[in-house]
């Protein structure tokens, strides 16, 4: 064979073997598989899906979230009102999450975040913590809050963003204003000495004028107008036509531009009489018009919703010392009444002296100073709801709605706020 041909064949064979050897030693490219299997060391956090959002009560409460993991971990709360039984651990753990009382007056939201120690690729996990509003009372000040001991004023009104309280024991010529920076009472208005001040007056407000008089006395018939726009000025007061009869635990209300009073306990016929008051201006001392007996004896409380007034909780007519807890609806000048459902509380003696009342929209509110309990009445649903009782043995005598809040206070000035809805 030709030597040149033989060498060519041997070179080709050698090149073929070399290429084959290179192919066997070639590095394979990285896999493009989507396999997400992870080792235990790479495991993430797992909890029950229902525990991703915890909803807790407005009072101090707690819940347990079981963490399932193989990781070293830490837990961090986003707010000071959220507390954890531990802030770090290893592996599975029943984490207890607790909250303080929610005194904010609104639902609040925070979170607990679980994160791994070290450089694990595990993703952090957030647990949302939602806390409902505390549906109860919070004390804002104590018995050193500015009112005289045993003073029992019962004139309560609001004007120009302020809450006023006065007309106390006979001869107490001071009206106090609530200072909402520290919830103390400060002397704001001096009632002129010519104005007869008797505890538990009958009063109502028309526009910027306060009409007040009478009181817990068989000789208190004087009635006055106070122009609230004039503040602490003796000139703001003027004497009006005296009350038509004694008003022992009577009450007043304003409706459709007119003022009304009912006589309470002191009626010869045994029934409350409703009177309408009208005045044409600063030169007119006013006129009283009797609309007739209400058919209910004893002291009454009242609140106004729409064109109707709800009068209730006096003694049952003709039933001696027994009392009822029903409010009757009338639309003056008509005295035709329609009873509502009874209040959800035991019947007690002297109920008309124990109530503070007001209305917000279609809801009427009644605060019972004997039981320290707040109630509401739904004029559309025709039902009562028990809201909350102040947790104290203190005598918390009075309550009202002011600047979007409900406040109650004792006769020595301690103030409470209702934080429910």
Protein backbone atom coordinates (compact mmCIF):
# COMPACT_ATOMS: atom_id res chain seq x y z
CA UNK A 1 0.00 0.00 0.00
CA UNK A 2 1.13 3.44 -0.68
CA UNK A 3 2.72 4.85 2.52
CA UNK A 4 1.03 8.23 2.02
CA UNK A 5 -2.44 6.68 2.05
CA UNK A 6 -1.66 4.57 5.13
CA UNK A 7 -0.54 7.67 7.12
CA UNK A 8 -3.72 9.54 6.14
CA UNK A 9 -5.89 6.66 7.43
CA UNK A 10 -4.01 6.52 10.76
CA UNK A 11 -4.34 10.33 11.29
CA UNK A 12 -8.12 10.23 10.65
CA UNK A 13 -8.55 7.35 13.11
CA UNK A 14 -6.57 9.21 15.78
CA UNK A 15 -8.65 12.36 15.31
CA UNK A 16 -11.85 10.34 15.55
CA UNK A 17 -10.75 8.78 18.87
CA UNK A 18 -9.74 12.14 20.28
CA UNK A 19 -13.12 13.69 19.41
CA UNK A 20 -14.92 10.75 20.97
CA UNK A 21 -12.93 11.09 24.20
CA UNK A 22 -13.65 14.81 24.35
CA UNK A 23 -17.38 14.19 23.98
CA UNK A 24 -17.39 11.79 26.95
CA UNK A 25 -15.68 14.35 29.18
CA UNK A 26 -17.93 17.27 28.17
CA UNK A 27 -19.73 19.18 31.13
CA UNK A 28 -23.56 19.03 30.91
CA UNK A 29 -25.43 22.38 30.91
CA UNK A 30 -27.42 23.40 34.05
CA UNK A 31 -30.92 21.96 34.29
CA UNK A 32 -33.85 24.25 33.43
CA UNK A 33 -36.33 22.15 35.43
CA UNK A 34 -39.08 24.00 37.47
CA UNK A 35 -38.87 21.52 40.36
CA UNK A 36 -39.52 23.49 43.64
CA UNK A 37 -38.68 20.73 46.10
CA UNK A 38 -36.72 22.18 49.06
CA UNK A 39 -34.74 20.55 51.80
CA UNK A 40 -35.89 20.85 55.48
CA UNK A 41 -33.19 23.47 56.01
CA UNK A 42 -34.82 25.62 53.33
CA UNK A 43 -38.35 25.14 54.67
CA UNK A 44 -40.59 28.16 55.08
CA UNK A 45 -43.13 29.04 57.83
CA UNK A 46 -46.54 27.38 57.80
CA UNK A 47 -49.62 28.26 59.86
CA UNK A 48 -53.30 27.50 59.61
CA UNK A 49 -54.75 29.72 56.83
CA UNK A 50 -57.42 30.89 59.30
CA UNK A 51 -54.67 32.41 61.45
CA UNK A 52 -53.28 34.77 58.80
CA UNK A 53 -55.83 37.29 60.14
CA UNK A 54 -56.60 37.35 63.87
CA UNK A 55 -59.58 39.38 65.09
CA UNK A 56 -59.53 40.01 68.84
CA UNK A 57 -61.94 41.66 71.27
CA UNK A 58 -61.58 45.25 72.45
CA UNK A 59 -60.82 44.07 75.98
CA UNK A 60 -57.55 42.30 76.92
CA UNK A 61 -57.62 39.03 74.97
CA UNK A 62 -55.35 36.54 73.21
CA UNK A 63 -55.16 33.81 70.58
CA UNK A 64 -52.62 31.11 69.73
CA UNK A 65 -51.03 30.60 66.31
CA UNK A 66 -49.14 27.33 65.78
CA UNK A 67 -46.00 27.89 63.71
CA UNK A 68 -44.83 24.82 61.75
CA UNK A 69 -41.21 25.05 60.55
CA UNK A 70 -37.72 23.57 60.95
CA UNK A 71 -36.12 27.01 61.03
CA UNK A 72 -34.61 29.13 63.74
CA UNK A 73 -36.95 32.14 63.81
CA UNK A 74 -37.87 35.40 65.47
CA UNK A 75 -41.25 37.12 65.88
CA UNK A 76 -41.75 40.90 65.88
CA UNK A 77 -44.91 42.87 66.80
CA UNK A 78 -45.59 46.09 64.91
CA UNK A 79 -47.36 47.92 67.75
CA UNK A 80 -46.94 48.36 71.49
CA UNK A 81 -50.49 47.09 72.17
CA UNK A 82 -49.59 43.65 70.69
CA UNK A 83 -47.70 41.25 72.97
CA UNK A 84 -45.99 37.88 72.26
CA UNK A 85 -45.25 35.07 74.71
CA UNK A 86 -41.84 34.69 73.03
CA UNK A 87 -39.90 36.59 70.38
CA UNK A 88 -37.70 33.74 69.09
CA UNK A 89 -37.60 29.97 68.86
CA UNK A 90 -36.68 26.85 66.92
CA UNK A 91 -39.05 24.74 64.91
CA UNK A 92 -42.75 24.29 65.62
CA UNK A 93 -44.16 26.57 68.34
CA UNK A 94 -47.62 27.64 69.68
CA UNK A 95 -47.13 31.42 69.58
CA UNK A 96 -49.52 33.27 71.93
CA UNK A 97 -50.51 36.74 70.66
CA UNK A 98 -52.30 39.02 73.14
CA UNK A 99 -53.60 42.62 73.13
CA UNK A 100 -54.35 45.38 75.63
CA UNK A 101 -57.71 47.13 75.96
CA UNK A 102 -58.43 49.19 72.85
CA UNK A 103 -59.16 52.65 74.24
CA UNK A 104 -58.82 54.40 70.86
CA UNK A 105 -62.55 54.37 70.15
CA UNK A 106 -61.97 52.72 66.75
CA UNK A 107 -60.90 49.39 65.28
CA UNK A 108 -57.09 49.16 65.21
CA UNK A 109 -54.82 46.97 63.08
CA UNK A 110 -51.23 45.78 63.50
CA UNK A 111 -49.15 42.74 62.59
CA UNK A 112 -46.75 40.06 63.80
CA UNK A 113 -43.89 39.20 61.41
CA UNK A 114 -42.06 35.84 61.44
CA UNK A 115 -38.56 35.95 59.96
CA UNK A 116 -35.75 33.35 59.88
CA UNK A 117 -32.43 33.73 61.63
CA UNK A 118 -29.34 33.25 59.39
CA UNK A 119 -29.35 33.52 55.61
CA UNK A 120 -32.16 31.06 54.91
CA UNK A 121 -34.04 31.76 51.68
CA UNK A 122 -37.36 31.32 53.56
CA UNK A 123 -39.81 34.17 53.00
CA UNK A 124 -41.03 36.13 56.05
CA UNK A 125 -44.65 35.63 57.08
CA UNK A 126 -47.02 38.37 58.30
CA UNK A 127 -49.93 37.70 60.66
CA UNK A 128 -52.42 40.58 60.65
CA UNK A 129 -53.85 41.43 64.08
CA UNK A 130 -57.16 43.31 64.06
CA UNK A 131 -58.69 44.49 67.35
CA UNK A 132 -62.28 45.64 67.71
CA UNK A 133 -63.34 48.74 69.62
CA UNK A 134 -63.64 48.46 73.38
CA UNK A 135 -67.39 48.63 73.95
CA UNK A 136 -67.30 50.11 77.42
CA UNK A 137 -66.36 53.01 79.68
CA UNK A 138 -62.94 54.53 80.35
CA UNK A 139 -62.27 56.78 83.35
CA UNK A 140 -60.62 60.07 82.33
CA UNK A 141 -60.35 61.92 85.66
CA UNK A 142 -60.90 61.32 89.36
CA UNK A 143 -62.78 62.97 92.24
CA UNK A 144 -60.43 65.95 92.27
CA UNK A 145 -61.75 67.09 88.90
CA UNK A 146 -63.12 70.46 89.96
CA UNK A 147 -66.67 70.14 91.31
CA UNK A 148 -67.62 70.72 94.93
CA UNK A 149 -68.24 67.59 97.02
CA UNK A 150 -71.93 66.57 97.01
CA UNK A 151 -72.85 69.34 94.60
CA UNK A 152 -75.65 67.97 92.40
CA UNK A 153 -76.16 70.33 89.48
CA UNK A 154 -78.39 69.00 86.75
CA UNK A 155 -78.38 71.64 84.04
CA UNK A 156 -76.39 70.20 81.11
CA UNK A 157 -75.96 71.89 77.75
CA UNK A 158 -73.45 72.33 74.92
CA UNK A 159 -72.64 75.51 73.06
CA UNK A 160 -69.90 76.61 70.67
CA UNK A 161 -67.90 73.40 71.11
CA UNK A 162 -68.06 73.36 74.92
CA UNK A 163 -69.91 71.27 77.51
CA UNK A 164 -71.47 73.13 80.46
CA UNK A 165 -72.87 71.84 83.72
CA UNK A 166 -74.47 73.77 86.57
CA UNK A 167 -77.53 74.92 88.50
CA UNK A 168 -76.64 72.85 91.52
CA UNK A 169 -77.72 72.86 95.13
CA UNK A 170 -79.87 75.79 96.09
CA UNK A 171 -77.79 78.94 95.89
CA UNK A 172 -74.94 77.48 93.77
CA UNK A 173 -74.54 80.32 91.27
CA UNK A 174 -71.80 78.70 89.14
CA UNK A 175 -71.96 76.98 85.77
CA UNK A 176 -68.88 74.87 84.98
CA UNK A 177 -67.19 74.08 81.66
CA UNK A 178 -65.43 70.78 80.94
CA UNK A 179 -61.77 71.32 80.06
CA UNK A 180 -61.09 68.48 77.61
CA UNK A 181 -57.29 68.80 77.90
CA UNK A 182 -57.36 67.19 81.36
CA UNK A 183 -61.09 66.48 81.81
CA UNK A 184 -61.42 68.79 84.78
CA UNK A 185 -64.25 71.22 85.41
CA UNK A 186 -63.56 74.96 85.54
CA UNK A 187 -65.87 77.76 86.67
CA UNK A 188 -67.10 79.46 83.51
CA UNK A 189 -70.30 81.42 84.16
CA UNK A 190 -71.51 83.20 87.28
CA UNK A 191 -75.29 83.24 87.51
CA UNK A 192 -76.52 86.67 88.74
CA UNK A 193 -77.70 86.77 92.35
CA UNK A 194 -81.10 87.95 91.10
CA UNK A 195 -81.65 84.56 89.47
CA UNK A 196 -83.22 81.95 91.75
CA UNK A 197 -81.16 78.74 91.58
CA UNK A 198 -82.90 75.58 92.79
CA UNK A 199 -81.55 72.07 92.31
CA UNK A 200 -83.06 69.96 89.49
CA UNK A 201 -84.46 72.69 87.23
CA UNK A 202 -86.67 72.26 84.19
CA UNK A 203 -85.05 73.57 81.01
CA UNK A 204 -84.84 73.47 77.21
CA UNK A 205 -82.79 75.20 74.48
CA UNK A 206 -84.09 77.11 71.46
CA UNK A 207 -81.37 78.28 69.09
CA UNK A 208 -78.76 80.13 71.16
CA UNK A 209 -81.13 80.72 74.09
CA UNK A 210 -81.31 78.58 77.23
CA UNK A 211 -84.64 78.60 79.09
CA UNK A 212 -84.47 77.38 82.68
CA UNK A 213 -86.30 77.60 85.99
CA UNK A 214 -88.24 75.86 88.71
CA UNK A 215 -86.47 73.13 90.59
CA UNK A 216 -86.99 70.71 93.43
CA UNK A 217 -89.04 73.10 95.57
CA UNK A 218 -92.74 73.87 95.89
CA UNK A 219 -91.95 77.60 95.86
CA UNK A 220 -89.73 77.68 92.75
CA UNK A 221 -91.76 79.14 89.89
CA UNK A 222 -89.25 81.63 88.47
CA UNK A 223 -88.25 81.10 84.83
CA UNK A 224 -85.38 82.71 82.92
CA UNK A 225 -83.83 83.16 79.50
CA UNK A 226 -80.03 83.06 79.11
CA UNK A 227 -78.45 84.25 75.87
CA UNK A 228 -75.51 81.86 75.45
CA UNK A 229 -73.82 84.14 72.90
CA UNK A 230 -73.08 86.66 75.69
CA UNK A 231 -71.05 84.25 77.82
CA UNK A 232 -70.32 85.30 81.39
CA UNK A 233 -72.39 88.47 81.42
CA UNK A 234 -75.17 89.39 83.81
CA UNK A 235 -76.88 91.14 80.90
CA UNK A 236 -77.34 87.76 79.21
CA UNK A 237 -80.09 86.85 81.69
CA UNK A 238 -83.70 88.04 81.78
CA UNK A 239 -86.71 87.05 83.83
CA UNK A 240 -89.72 85.55 82.03
CA UNK A 241 -93.34 84.72 82.85
CA UNK A 242 -93.27 82.36 85.85
CA UNK A 243 -93.93 78.66 85.41
CA UNK A 244 -97.66 77.82 85.50
CA UNK A 245 -97.19 75.40 88.43
CA UNK A 246 -94.51 73.68 90.48
CA UNK A 247 -92.21 71.35 88.57
CA UNK A 248 -90.95 68.69 91.00
CA UNK A 249 -88.71 66.46 88.86
CA UNK A 250 -90.29 67.86 85.74
CA UNK A 251 -88.42 68.02 82.47
CA UNK A 252 -88.32 70.10 79.32
CA UNK A 253 -87.60 69.64 75.63
CA UNK A 254 -87.58 71.65 72.40
CA UNK A 255 -89.42 70.48 69.30
CA UNK A 256 -90.11 72.22 65.99
CA UNK A 257 -89.14 75.65 67.31
CA UNK A 258 -91.19 75.51 70.51
CA UNK A 259 -90.28 74.75 74.10
CA UNK A 260 -92.23 72.36 76.30
CA UNK A 261 -92.21 71.40 79.99
CA UNK A 262 -94.00 68.65 81.90
CA UNK A 263 -94.80 69.01 85.56
CA UNK A 264 -93.33 65.85 87.10
CA UNK A 265 -94.59 64.83 90.52
CA UNK A 266 -96.46 67.94 91.68
CA UNK A 267 -99.83 67.75 89.93
CA UNK A 268 -103.18 67.98 91.68
CA UNK A 269 -104.83 65.67 89.16
CA UNK A 270 -102.18 62.99 89.59
CA UNK A 271 -101.13 63.23 85.93
CA UNK A 272 -98.29 65.13 84.32
CA UNK A 273 -99.47 68.21 82.47
CA UNK A 274 -97.65 69.30 79.31
CA UNK A 275 -97.21 73.04 78.72
CA UNK A 276 -95.98 74.86 75.62
CA UNK A 277 -93.93 78.06 75.92
CA UNK A 278 -93.76 80.81 73.32
CA UNK A 279 -92.17 84.25 73.14
CA UNK A 280 -92.06 86.81 70.34
CA UNK A 281 -88.76 88.45 71.30
CA UNK A 282 -86.68 90.22 73.91
CA UNK A 283 -89.56 92.46 74.95
CA UNK A 284 -92.01 89.57 75.43
CA UNK A 285 -91.77 87.63 78.74
CA UNK A 286 -93.50 84.66 77.12
CA UNK A 287 -96.74 82.75 77.34
CA UNK A 288 -97.55 79.31 78.75
CA UNK A 289 -100.25 77.19 77.11
CA UNK A 290 -101.56 74.03 78.78
CA UNK A 291 -101.89 71.19 76.26
CA UNK A 292 -103.43 68.77 78.74
CA UNK A 293 -102.54 65.84 81.01
CA UNK A 294 -100.16 63.17 79.72
CA UNK A 295 -101.83 60.29 81.53
CA UNK A 296 -98.60 59.38 83.32
CA UNK A 297 -97.80 60.26 86.93
CA UNK A 298 -94.44 60.83 88.51
CA UNK A 299 -91.19 62.22 87.07
CA UNK A 300 -90.54 61.71 83.38
CA UNK A 301 -87.43 61.67 81.19
CA UNK A 302 -87.59 62.56 77.49
CA UNK A 303 -85.71 62.54 74.19
CA UNK A 304 -86.71 63.89 70.76
CA UNK A 305 -86.45 62.00 67.46
CA UNK A 306 -87.85 63.62 64.32
CA UNK A 307 -91.18 65.28 65.05
CA UNK A 308 -91.92 63.18 68.13
CA UNK A 309 -90.90 63.24 71.76
CA UNK A 310 -90.47 60.07 73.79
CA UNK A 311 -91.57 60.55 77.41
CA UNK A 312 -91.16 57.76 79.87
CA UNK A 313 -90.42 55.99 83.09
CA UNK A 314 -92.82 57.76 85.39
CA UNK A 315 -95.22 56.04 87.76
CA UNK A 316 -98.02 54.04 86.14
CA UNK A 317 -101.22 56.10 86.39
CA UNK A 318 -103.49 54.89 89.20
CA UNK A 319 -101.10 52.12 90.29
CA UNK A 320 -99.80 53.65 93.51
CA UNK A 321 -96.05 53.44 94.04
CA UNK A 322 -95.32 51.13 91.11
CA UNK A 323 -93.34 52.42 88.15
CA UNK A 324 -92.89 51.42 84.54
CA UNK A 325 -89.94 51.47 82.17
CA UNK A 326 -91.86 52.33 79.00
CA UNK A 327 -91.37 55.48 76.93
CA UNK A 328 -94.50 56.80 75.20
CA UNK A 329 -94.27 58.64 71.88
CA UNK A 330 -96.31 61.79 71.25
CA UNK A 331 -96.22 64.51 68.60
CA UNK A 332 -97.20 67.85 70.23
CA UNK A 333 -99.55 69.57 70.31
CA UNK A 334 -101.34 66.22 70.07
CA UNK A 335 -101.10 64.14 73.25
CA UNK A 336 -102.20 60.91 71.59
CA UNK A 337 -99.52 58.48 72.71
CA UNK A 338 -98.04 55.26 71.36
CA UNK A 339 -96.09 53.12 73.85
CA UNK A 340 -92.74 51.60 72.92
CA UNK A 341 -91.14 48.42 74.20
CA UNK A 342 -90.06 48.39 77.85
CA UNK A 343 -86.46 49.19 78.67
CA UNK A 344 -84.35 46.07 79.29
CA UNK A 345 -83.77 46.61 83.03
CA UNK A 346 -85.55 45.92 86.34
CA UNK A 347 -88.22 48.38 87.46
CA UNK A 348 -86.94 50.61 90.27
CA UNK A 349 -88.51 53.34 92.37
CA UNK A 350 -87.94 56.96 91.48
CA UNK A 351 -86.92 56.33 87.87
CA UNK A 352 -87.53 59.84 86.56
CA UNK A 353 -84.81 61.26 88.79
CA UNK A 354 -82.17 58.86 87.55
CA UNK A 355 -82.08 59.42 83.78
CA UNK A 356 -79.95 61.52 81.45
CA UNK A 357 -81.28 61.42 77.88
CA UNK A 358 -80.35 62.58 74.37
CA UNK A 359 -80.85 61.51 70.76
CA UNK A 360 -78.54 61.00 67.76
CA UNK A 361 -80.36 60.51 64.47
CA UNK A 362 -82.94 57.75 64.92
CA UNK A 363 -81.42 56.53 68.18
CA UNK A 364 -82.50 57.74 71.60
CA UNK A 365 -80.13 57.25 74.54
CA UNK A 366 -80.93 56.80 78.21
CA UNK A 367 -78.29 56.73 80.96
CA UNK A 368 -79.50 55.29 84.26
CA UNK A 369 -77.56 56.83 87.16
CA UNK A 370 -78.89 54.15 89.57
CA UNK A 371 -77.44 51.21 87.64
CA UNK A 372 -74.74 53.27 85.80
CA UNK A 373 -75.92 51.67 82.56
CA UNK A 374 -76.31 53.18 79.10
CA UNK A 375 -79.21 52.08 76.86
CA UNK A 376 -80.23 53.00 73.31
CA UNK A 377 -83.61 52.93 71.59
CA UNK A 378 -83.94 52.39 67.84
CA UNK A 379 -86.95 54.38 66.65
CA UNK A 380 -87.00 52.46 63.35
CA UNK A 381 -86.50 48.95 64.70
CA UNK A 382 -88.59 49.68 67.84
CA UNK A 383 -86.13 47.96 70.15
CA UNK A 384 -83.86 48.70 73.10
CA UNK A 385 -80.19 47.73 73.42
CA UNK A 386 -78.17 47.57 76.62
CA UNK A 387 -74.81 49.21 75.83
CA UNK A 388 -72.49 49.10 78.87
CA UNK A 389 -72.27 49.68 82.63
CA UNK A 390 -69.62 51.85 84.25
CA UNK A 391 -67.38 49.57 86.34
CA UNK A 392 -67.30 51.57 89.58
CA UNK A 393 -69.06 51.96 92.93
CA UNK A 394 -68.81 55.73 92.54
CA UNK A 395 -71.99 57.77 92.11
CA UNK A 396 -71.78 58.72 88.45
CA UNK A 397 -74.91 60.85 88.21
CA UNK A 398 -74.92 62.50 84.79
CA UNK A 399 -74.21 61.79 81.13
CA UNK A 400 -74.54 63.45 77.73
CA UNK A 401 -73.40 63.34 74.11
CA UNK A 402 -70.76 65.93 73.28
CA UNK A 403 -68.51 66.42 70.20
CA UNK A 404 -68.96 62.86 68.99
CA UNK A 405 -68.42 61.27 72.41
CA UNK A 406 -70.56 60.17 75.33
CA UNK A 407 -69.35 61.43 78.71
CA UNK A 408 -70.61 60.65 82.20
CA UNK A 409 -69.51 62.27 85.44
CA UNK A 410 -70.02 62.16 89.18
CA UNK A 411 -71.27 64.96 91.41
CA UNK A 412 -67.63 65.51 92.47
CA UNK A 413 -66.42 65.79 88.88
CA UNK A 414 -64.86 62.42 87.95
CA UNK A 415 -65.35 61.96 84.19
CA UNK A 416 -65.86 58.75 82.19
CA UNK A 417 -66.03 58.28 78.42
CA UNK A 418 -68.02 55.63 76.57
CA UNK A 419 -65.91 54.10 73.78
CA UNK A 420 -68.51 51.90 72.15
CA UNK A 421 -70.64 52.42 69.09
